[in-house]
C-alpha atoms as a PDB file:
ATOM      1  CA  MET A   1     -52.692   5.593  30.505  1.00  0.00           C
ATOM      2  CA  PRO A   2     -54.922   2.025  29.719  1.00  0.00           C
ATOM      3  CA  ALA A   3     -53.303  -1.264  29.018  1.00  0.00           C
ATOM      4  CA  PRO A   4     -53.306  -1.550  25.112  1.00  0.00           C
ATOM      5  CA  VAL A   5     -54.598  -4.380  23.238  1.00  0.00           C
ATOM      6  CA  THR A   6     -53.012  -5.686  20.144  1.00  0.00           C
ATOM      7  CA  LEU A   7     -55.348  -5.079  16.897  1.00  0.00           C
ATOM      8  CA  PRO A   8     -55.562  -7.626  14.251  1.00  0.00           C
ATOM      9  CA  THR A   9     -55.136  -5.850  10.557  1.00  0.00           C
ATOM     10  CA  LEU A  10     -55.316  -6.070   6.814  1.00  0.00           C
ATOM     11  CA  SER A  11     -54.024  -4.155   3.951  1.00  0.00           C
ATOM     12  CA  TRP A  12     -54.208  -3.062   0.695  1.00  0.00           C
ATOM     13  CA  GLY A  13     -50.936  -1.923  -1.487  1.00  0.00           C
ATOM     14  CA  ASP A  14     -47.661  -2.780  -1.564  1.00  0.00           C
ATOM     15  CA  PRO A  15     -45.607  -2.983   1.803  1.00  0.00           C
ATOM     16  CA  ALA A  16     -42.794  -1.810   0.435  1.00  0.00           C
ATOM     17  CA  SER A  17     -44.099   1.353  -0.649  1.00  0.00           C
ATOM     18  CA  SER A  18     -42.661   4.497   1.314  1.00  0.00           C
ATOM     19  CA  ARG A  19     -45.906   6.107   1.904  1.00  0.00           C
ATOM     20  CA  HIS A  20     -48.029   3.982   5.236  1.00  0.00           C
ATOM     21  CA  ALA A  21     -50.887   4.845   6.163  1.00  0.00           C
ATOM     22  CA  LEU A  22     -53.299   3.436   9.246  1.00  0.00           C
ATOM     23  CA  LEU A  23     -57.275   3.072   8.609  1.00  0.00           C
ATOM     24  CA  ALA A  24     -59.596   3.269  12.000  1.00  0.00           C
ATOM     25  CA  HIS A  25     -63.342   2.728  11.526  1.00  0.00           C
ATOM     26  CA  GLY A  26     -66.354   3.499  13.642  1.00  0.00           C
ATOM     27  CA  LEU A  27     -68.631   2.408  16.306  1.00  0.00           C
ATOM     28  CA  GLY A  28     -70.145  -0.621  15.338  1.00  0.00           C
ATOM     29  CA  SER A  29     -67.898  -1.529  12.556  1.00  0.00           C
ATOM     30  CA  THR A  30     -64.718  -3.247  11.166  1.00  0.00           C
ATOM     31  CA  GLY A  31     -61.637  -2.684   9.696  1.00  0.00           C
ATOM     32  CA  ALA A  32     -62.920  -4.249   6.499  1.00  0.00           C
ATOM     33  CA  LEU A  33     -65.502  -1.670   6.073  1.00  0.00           C
ATOM     34  CA  MET A  34     -62.385   1.119   5.343  1.00  0.00           C
ATOM     35  CA  TRP A  35     -61.857  -0.516   1.969  1.00  0.00           C
ATOM     36  CA  ARG A  36     -62.705   2.595   0.042  1.00  0.00           C
ATOM     37  CA  TYR A  37     -59.872   4.299   1.732  1.00  0.00           C
ATOM     38  CA  GLY A  38     -57.756   0.949   1.066  1.00  0.00           C
ATOM     39  CA  VAL A  39     -58.009   0.622  -2.520  1.00  0.00           C
ATOM     40  CA  ALA A  40     -58.025   4.369  -3.267  1.00  0.00           C
ATOM     41  CA  LEU A  41     -54.964   4.560  -1.179  1.00  0.00           C
ATOM     42  CA  ALA A  42     -53.149   1.435  -2.807  1.00  0.00           C
ATOM     43  CA  GLU A  43     -54.405   2.936  -6.257  1.00  0.00           C
ATOM     44  CA  ALA A  44     -52.402   6.103  -5.562  1.00  0.00           C
ATOM     45  CA  GLY A  45     -49.335   4.458  -4.355  1.00  0.00           C
ATOM     46  CA  TRP A  46     -49.767   4.050  -0.601  1.00  0.00           C
ATOM     47  CA  HIS A  47     -49.540   1.014   1.477  1.00  0.00           C
ATOM     48  CA  ALA A  48     -52.920   1.181   3.791  1.00  0.00           C
ATOM     49  CA  VAL A  49     -53.544  -1.036   6.915  1.00  0.00           C
ATOM     50  CA  ALA A  50     -57.021  -0.851   8.767  1.00  0.00           C
ATOM     51  CA  VAL A  51     -57.533  -1.952  12.317  1.00  0.00           C
ATOM     52  CA  ASP A  52     -60.229  -3.614  14.044  1.00  0.00           C
ATOM     53  CA  LEU A  53     -60.800  -1.616  17.305  1.00  0.00           C
ATOM     54  CA  ARG A  54     -60.976  -3.101  20.574  1.00  0.00           C
ATOM     55  CA  GLY A  55     -64.539  -5.126  21.000  1.00  0.00           C
ATOM     56  CA  HIS A  56     -64.868  -4.978  17.385  1.00  0.00           C
ATOM     57  CA  GLY A  57     -64.405  -7.569  14.617  1.00  0.00           C
ATOM     58  CA  ARG A  58     -61.507 -10.220  15.625  1.00  0.00           C
ATOM     59  CA  ALA A  59     -60.064  -7.646  18.162  1.00  0.00           C
ATOM     60  CA  PRO A  60     -59.520  -8.871  21.409  1.00  0.00           C
ATOM     61  CA  ARG A  61     -61.938  -7.745  24.202  1.00  0.00           C
ATOM     62  CA  ALA A  62     -61.437  -5.992  27.105  1.00  0.00           C
ATOM     63  CA  LEU A  63     -63.178  -4.200  30.165  1.00  0.00           C
ATOM     64  CA  ASP A  64     -61.963  -0.716  29.220  1.00  0.00           C
ATOM     65  CA  TYR A  65     -63.984   0.811  26.422  1.00  0.00           C
ATOM     66  CA  SER A  66     -62.985   4.474  27.034  1.00  0.00           C
ATOM     67  CA  ILE A  67     -61.827   6.725  24.106  1.00  0.00           C
ATOM     68  CA  ASP A  68     -58.312   6.783  25.850  1.00  0.00           C
ATOM     69  CA  ALA A  69     -58.280   2.992  25.846  1.00  0.00           C
ATOM     70  CA  TYR A  70     -59.173   3.131  21.946  1.00  0.00           C
ATOM     71  CA  ALA A  71     -56.325   5.428  21.506  1.00  0.00           C
ATOM     72  CA  ALA A  72     -53.767   3.804  23.680  1.00  0.00           C
ATOM     73  CA  ASP A  73     -54.571   0.832  21.081  1.00  0.00           C
ATOM     74  CA  LEU A  74     -54.116   2.658  17.985  1.00  0.00           C
ATOM     75  CA  ARG A  75     -50.436   4.600  19.449  1.00  0.00           C
ATOM     76  CA  ILE A  76     -49.145   1.149  19.684  1.00  0.00           C
ATOM     77  CA  ALA A  77     -50.306  -0.004  16.178  1.00  0.00           C
ATOM     78  CA  LEU A  78     -47.242   0.892  13.967  1.00  0.00           C
ATOM     79  CA  PRO A  79     -45.928  -0.407  10.908  1.00  0.00           C
ATOM     80  CA  ALA A  80     -43.002  -2.711  10.786  1.00  0.00           C
ATOM     81  CA  GLY A  81     -39.763  -1.543  11.559  1.00  0.00           C
ATOM     82  CA  ARG A  82     -41.299   2.307  11.744  1.00  0.00           C
ATOM     83  CA  ASP A  83     -42.019   4.807  14.522  1.00  0.00           C
ATOM     84  CA  HIS A  84     -44.553   6.351  12.778  1.00  0.00           C
ATOM     85  CA  TRP A  85     -47.541   6.532  10.158  1.00  0.00           C
ATOM     86  CA  ASP A  86     -47.102   8.974   7.159  1.00  0.00           C
ATOM     87  CA  LEU A  87     -51.129   9.114   7.257  1.00  0.00           C
ATOM     88  CA  VAL A  88     -54.009   7.698   9.363  1.00  0.00           C
ATOM     89  CA  VAL A  89     -57.647   7.994   8.193  1.00  0.00           C
ATOM     90  CA  ALA A  90     -60.249   7.784  10.700  1.00  0.00           C
ATOM     91  CA  HIS A  91     -63.903   7.706  11.093  1.00  0.00           C
ATOM     92  CA  SER A  92     -66.525   8.504  13.653  1.00  0.00           C
ATOM     93  CA  LEU A  93     -64.955   6.506  17.366  1.00  0.00           C
ATOM     94  CA  GLY A  94     -61.992   6.015  15.327  1.00  0.00           C
ATOM     95  CA  GLY A  95     -61.610  10.046  14.526  1.00  0.00           C
ATOM     96  CA  ALA A  96     -62.293  10.764  18.326  1.00  0.00           C
ATOM     97  CA  ALA A  97     -59.200   8.035  19.263  1.00  0.00           C
ATOM     98  CA  ALA A  98     -57.171   9.127  16.698  1.00  0.00           C
ATOM     99  CA  THR A  99     -57.182  12.599  17.517  1.00  0.00           C
ATOM    100  CA  ARG A 100     -56.351  11.646  21.043  1.00  0.00           C
ATOM    101  CA  ALA A 101     -53.438   9.881  20.120  1.00  0.00           C
ATOM    102  CA  ALA A 102     -51.832  12.516  17.630  1.00  0.00           C
ATOM    103  CA  ALA A 103     -52.351  15.018  20.523  1.00  0.00           C
ATOM    104  CA  ASP A 104     -50.890  13.306  22.999  1.00  0.00           C
ATOM    105  CA  HIS A 105     -48.228  11.721  21.094  1.00  0.00           C
ATOM    106  CA  PHE A 106     -46.620  13.762  18.732  1.00  0.00           C
ATOM    107  CA  GLY A 107     -44.960  12.373  15.854  1.00  0.00           C
ATOM    108  CA  TRP A 108     -47.073   9.267  15.542  1.00  0.00           C
ATOM    109  CA  THR A 109     -48.596  10.053  12.474  1.00  0.00           C
ATOM    110  CA  ARG A 110     -47.264  12.775  10.012  1.00  0.00           C
ATOM    111  CA  ARG A 111     -50.783  13.926   8.677  1.00  0.00           C
ATOM    112  CA  LEU A 112     -54.398  12.989   9.907  1.00  0.00           C
ATOM    113  CA  ILE A 113     -57.582  12.944   7.828  1.00  0.00           C
ATOM    114  CA  LEU A 114     -60.727  12.734  10.011  1.00  0.00           C
ATOM    115  CA  ILE A 115     -64.073  11.414   8.362  1.00  0.00           C
ATOM    116  CA  ASP A 116     -67.052  12.905  10.319  1.00  0.00           C
ATOM    117  CA  PRO A 117     -65.218  12.727  13.459  1.00  0.00           C
ATOM    118  CA  ALA A 118     -66.681  12.050  16.698  1.00  0.00           C
ATOM    119  CA  ILE A 119     -64.984  15.335  18.530  1.00  0.00           C
ATOM    120  CA  HIS A 120     -67.710  16.095  20.841  1.00  0.00           C
ATOM    121  CA  LEU A 121     -71.239  14.603  20.945  1.00  0.00           C
ATOM    122  CA  SER A 122     -74.679  16.270  22.128  1.00  0.00           C
ATOM    123  CA  ASP A 123     -77.182  14.378  23.809  1.00  0.00           C
ATOM    124  CA  HIS A 124     -79.167  14.255  20.733  1.00  0.00           C
ATOM    125  CA  ASP A 125     -76.414  12.825  18.797  1.00  0.00           C
ATOM    126  CA  ARG A 126     -75.479  10.062  21.630  1.00  0.00           C
ATOM    127  CA  GLU A 127     -78.949   8.952  21.065  1.00  0.00           C
ATOM    128  CA  ILE A 128     -79.100   8.670  17.498  1.00  0.00           C
ATOM    129  CA  VAL A 129     -76.019   7.081  17.642  1.00  0.00           C
ATOM    130  CA  ARG A 130     -77.830   4.369  20.168  1.00  0.00           C
ATOM    131  CA  ASP A 131     -80.798   3.937  18.185  1.00  0.00           C
ATOM    132  CA  SER A 132     -78.379   2.981  15.047  1.00  0.00           C
ATOM    133  CA  GLN A 133     -76.407   0.496  17.135  1.00  0.00           C
ATOM    134  CA  GLU A 134     -79.548  -0.906  18.698  1.00  0.00           C
ATOM    135  CA  ARG A 135     -81.157  -1.376  14.960  1.00  0.00           C
ATOM    136  CA  SER A 136     -77.945  -3.128  13.915  1.00  0.00           C
ATOM    137  CA  PHE A 137     -77.659  -5.632  16.642  1.00  0.00           C
ATOM    138  CA  ALA A 138     -81.676  -6.535  16.626  1.00  0.00           C
ATOM    139  CA  ASP A 139     -81.497  -7.452  13.121  1.00  0.00           C
ATOM    140  CA  PRO A 140     -77.700  -8.116  12.049  1.00  0.00           C
ATOM    141  CA  THR A 141     -78.685  -9.523   8.245  1.00  0.00           C
ATOM    142  CA  VAL A 142     -77.712  -8.577   4.963  1.00  0.00           C
ATOM    143  CA  ALA A 143     -81.704  -8.565   4.132  1.00  0.00           C
ATOM    144  CA  ALA A 144     -81.897  -5.456   6.830  1.00  0.00           C
ATOM    145  CA  VAL A 145     -79.308  -3.417   5.801  1.00  0.00           C
ATOM    146  CA  ARG A 146     -79.825  -3.669   2.475  1.00  0.00           C
ATOM    147  CA  ALA A 147     -83.214  -2.458   3.336  1.00  0.00           C
ATOM    148  CA  GLU A 148     -82.193   0.405   5.232  1.00  0.00           C
ATOM    149  CA  HIS A 149     -79.645   1.355   2.848  1.00  0.00           C
ATOM    150  CA  PRO A 150     -80.759   0.756  -0.469  1.00  0.00           C
ATOM    151  CA  ALA A 151     -78.110   2.803  -2.699  1.00  0.00           C
ATOM    152  CA  TRP A 152     -75.029   1.231  -0.485  1.00  0.00           C
ATOM    153  CA  HIS A 153     -72.300  -1.211  -2.528  1.00  0.00           C
ATOM    154  CA  GLU A 154     -73.364  -4.657  -2.180  1.00  0.00           C
ATOM    155  CA  GLN A 155     -70.074  -4.987  -0.098  1.00  0.00           C
ATOM    156  CA  ASP A 156     -70.709  -2.437   2.368  1.00  0.00           C
ATOM    157  CA  VAL A 157     -73.982  -3.961   2.862  1.00  0.00           C
ATOM    158  CA  GLU A 158     -72.615  -7.448   3.188  1.00  0.00           C
ATOM    159  CA  LEU A 159     -69.698  -6.210   5.517  1.00  0.00           C
ATOM    160  CA  LYS A 160     -72.145  -3.768   7.734  1.00  0.00           C
ATOM    161  CA  ALA A 161     -74.392  -6.902   8.432  1.00  0.00           C
ATOM    162  CA  LEU A 162     -71.199  -9.202   9.316  1.00  0.00           C
ATOM    163  CA  SER A 163     -69.685  -6.565  11.635  1.00  0.00           C
ATOM    164  CA  ALA A 164     -72.700  -6.161  13.579  1.00  0.00           C
ATOM    165  CA  GLN A 165     -72.310 -10.110  13.681  1.00  0.00           C
ATOM    166  CA  GLN A 166     -68.839  -9.746  14.897  1.00  0.00           C
ATOM    167  CA  ALA A 167     -69.224  -7.088  17.351  1.00  0.00           C
ATOM    168  CA  SER A 168     -69.444  -7.393  21.048  1.00  0.00           C
ATOM    169  CA  ARG A 169     -72.462  -5.731  21.797  1.00  0.00           C
ATOM    170  CA  TRP A 170     -71.034  -5.095  25.356  1.00  0.00           C
ATOM    171  CA  ALA A 171     -68.062  -3.125  24.083  1.00  0.00           C
ATOM    172  CA  VAL A 172     -70.402  -1.103  21.784  1.00  0.00           C
ATOM    173  CA  GLU A 173     -72.738  -0.242  24.594  1.00  0.00           C
ATOM    174  CA  GLN A 174     -70.038   0.148  26.924  1.00  0.00           C
ATOM    175  CA  THR A 175     -68.469   2.877  24.768  1.00  0.00           C
ATOM    176  CA  SER A 176     -71.278   5.121  25.342  1.00  0.00           C
ATOM    177  CA  VAL A 177     -71.582   4.653  29.050  1.00  0.00           C
ATOM    178  CA  GLN A 178     -67.655   4.701  30.030  1.00  0.00           C
ATOM    179  CA  ASN A 179     -67.752   7.843  28.002  1.00  0.00           C
ATOM    180  CA  GLU A 180     -70.234   9.815  29.654  1.00  0.00           C
ATOM    181  CA  GLN A 181     -69.056  12.856  28.727  1.00  0.00           C
ATOM    182  CA  TRP A 182     -67.829  12.356  25.015  1.00  0.00           C
ATOM    183  CA  ASP A 183     -65.398  15.273  24.282  1.00  0.00           C
ATOM    184  CA  VAL A 184     -61.946  15.423  22.740  1.00  0.00           C
ATOM    185  CA  ARG A 185     -62.028  18.932  21.697  1.00  0.00           C
ATOM    186  CA  ASP A 186     -59.021  19.638  23.868  1.00  0.00           C
ATOM    187  CA  ALA A 187     -57.352  17.183  21.788  1.00  0.00           C
ATOM    188  CA  ALA A 188     -58.116  18.768  18.702  1.00  0.00           C
ATOM    189  CA  ALA A 189     -57.399  22.008  19.963  1.00  0.00           C
ATOM    190  CA  HIS A 190     -53.699  20.816  20.552  1.00  0.00           C
ATOM    191  CA  LEU A 191     -53.485  19.052  17.091  1.00  0.00           C
ATOM    192  CA  LEU A 192     -49.781  20.287  15.405  1.00  0.00           C
ATOM    193  CA  VAL A 193     -50.127  18.050  12.428  1.00  0.00           C
ATOM    194  CA  PRO A 194     -51.646  18.960   9.418  1.00  0.00           C
ATOM    195  CA  THR A 195     -55.102  17.696   9.682  1.00  0.00           C
ATOM    196  CA  HIS A 196     -58.149  17.561   7.349  1.00  0.00           C
ATOM    197  CA  ILE A 197     -61.769  16.858   8.642  1.00  0.00           C
ATOM    198  CA  ILE A 198     -64.044  15.350   5.360  1.00  0.00           C
ATOM    199  CA  ALA A 199     -67.487  15.962   7.094  1.00  0.00           C
ATOM    200  CA  SER A 200     -70.985  14.740   6.473  1.00  0.00           C
ATOM    201  CA  ASP A 201     -73.433  17.154   5.188  1.00  0.00           C
ATOM    202  CA  PRO A 202     -75.586  18.649   8.082  1.00  0.00           C
ATOM    203  CA  ALA A 203     -78.486  18.496   5.629  1.00  0.00           C
ATOM    204  CA  VAL A 204     -78.336  14.692   5.740  1.00  0.00           C
ATOM    205  CA  TYR A 205     -76.883  13.987   9.113  1.00  0.00           C
ATOM    206  CA  SER A 206     -73.705  14.770  10.320  1.00  0.00           C
ATOM    207  CA  ILE A 207     -71.974  14.784  14.095  1.00  0.00           C
ATOM    208  CA  PHE A 208     -69.208  16.872  13.016  1.00  0.00           C
ATOM    209  CA  ARG A 209     -71.041  20.558  12.243  1.00  0.00           C
ATOM    210  CA  GLY A 210     -72.087  24.039  13.231  1.00  0.00           C
ATOM    211  CA  ALA A 211     -70.449  25.712  16.149  1.00  0.00           C
ATOM    212  CA  LEU A 212     -68.282  22.443  17.040  1.00  0.00           C
ATOM    213  CA  ALA A 213     -66.611  22.710  13.229  1.00  0.00           C
ATOM    214  CA  ASP A 214     -66.008  26.290  13.562  1.00  0.00           C
ATOM    215  CA  GLU A 215     -64.243  25.994  17.123  1.00  0.00           C
ATOM    216  CA  VAL A 216     -61.924  22.678  15.966  1.00  0.00           C
ATOM    217  CA  CYS A 217     -61.342  24.530  12.620  1.00  0.00           C
ATOM    218  CA  ALA A 218     -60.099  27.372  14.788  1.00  0.00           C
ATOM    219  CA  ASN A 219     -56.886  25.598  15.213  1.00  0.00           C
ATOM    220  CA  PRO A 220     -55.032  26.486  12.052  1.00  0.00           C
ATOM    221  CA  HIS A 221     -53.079  23.287  11.760  1.00  0.00           C
ATOM    222  CA  VAL A 222     -56.995  21.911  10.810  1.00  0.00           C
ATOM    223  CA  THR A 223     -58.823  22.498   7.136  1.00  0.00           C
ATOM    224  CA  MET A 224     -62.672  21.124   6.269  1.00  0.00           C
ATOM    225  CA  SER A 225     -64.732  20.146   3.379  1.00  0.00           C
ATOM    226  CA  VAL A 226     -67.975  18.564   3.123  1.00  0.00           C
ATOM    227  CA  VAL A 227     -69.443  15.815   0.951  1.00  0.00           C
ATOM    228  CA  GLU A 228     -72.651  16.730  -0.043  1.00  0.00           C
ATOM    229  CA  GLY A 229     -75.706  14.875   0.070  1.00  0.00           C
ATOM    230  CA  ALA A 230     -73.688  12.223   2.233  1.00  0.00           C
ATOM    231  CA  GLY A 231     -74.509  11.165   5.821  1.00  0.00           C
ATOM    232  CA  HIS A 232     -72.436   9.855   8.875  1.00  0.00           C
ATOM    233  CA  SER A 233     -70.841   7.174   6.842  1.00  0.00           C
ATOM    234  CA  PRO A 234     -69.722   9.137   3.216  1.00  0.00           C
ATOM    235  CA  HIS A 235     -67.678   6.776   2.259  1.00  0.00           C
ATOM    236  CA  ARG A 236     -70.657   4.322   1.852  1.00  0.00           C
ATOM    237  CA  ASP A 237     -73.489   6.834   0.966  1.00  0.00           C
ATOM    238  CA  ARG A 238     -71.197   9.114  -1.696  1.00  0.00           C
ATOM    239  CA  PRO A 239     -68.114   6.875  -2.149  1.00  0.00           C
ATOM    240  CA  GLU A 240     -66.597   8.397  -5.593  1.00  0.00           C
ATOM    241  CA  ASP A 241     -67.103  11.857  -3.975  1.00  0.00           C
ATOM    242  CA  THR A 242     -65.524  11.005  -0.800  1.00  0.00           C
ATOM    243  CA  MET A 243     -62.631   9.527  -2.329  1.00  0.00           C
ATOM    244  CA  ARG A 244     -62.274  12.860  -4.352  1.00  0.00           C
ATOM    245  CA  HIS A 245     -61.794  14.756  -1.027  1.00  0.00           C
ATOM    246  CA  LEU A 246     -59.505  12.403   0.386  1.00  0.00           C
ATOM    247  CA  LEU A 247     -57.293  12.832  -2.660  1.00  0.00           C
ATOM    248  CA  ALA A 248     -57.503  16.483  -2.810  1.00  0.00           C
ATOM    249  CA  ALA A 249     -56.558  16.401   0.878  1.00  0.00           C
ATOM    250  CA  LEU A 250     -53.432  14.508   0.113  1.00  0.00           C
ATOM    251  CA  GLY A 251     -52.554  16.366  -3.120  1.00  0.00           C
ATOM    252  CA  ASP A 252     -52.537  13.209  -4.763  1.00  0.00           C
END
């Protein structure tokens, strides 16, 4: 088991709420970029806590950037005075790490919602992800993000630029290098908690689609919906629709 690091947090909603959710972001992002989920959950009566993953934002730097290391960090990130989360919402890389944590430590969360999770990356998808990260680091400015994503909310534009400025480029690169076989399908097959996957639209771009989606959804604990017209970050491309999917999955 990799040695965990303690992750910095920010939160939305009343800490005294009886329902506590953990939010985990994707590669090259920060906890702040999960703000749409934080706001939606807080308005539904939850207390939502977002973390910066290791090597990202204000989180500690390390040498190990395996999915198992990311999962170890999430595993020890628990609500004060509690031994589990009521819900974990995790995007992309965060989705892979949360899948591993939930499969290996039953009871860590009562429910899991994965946002276009990086369960298994093909060589083609790895190249697309690598190219996206290289563009982000090449010009980590608000103007560059706005030019590439003109429909995004201004807060997402600002925070995406900041995330590239704050992240360790070496850590992001090593996340690809150290996970030569990017594959947590075994963990997904062993999930025992109710899990809903909010996938992006394959017609735009999704890393959770086709045969992979069919394989993962063969687990009877896993269900899936698709945000039409959204790319890999549906909460930025189609935020209102994505929040509807979130609340529908929770029954709120």
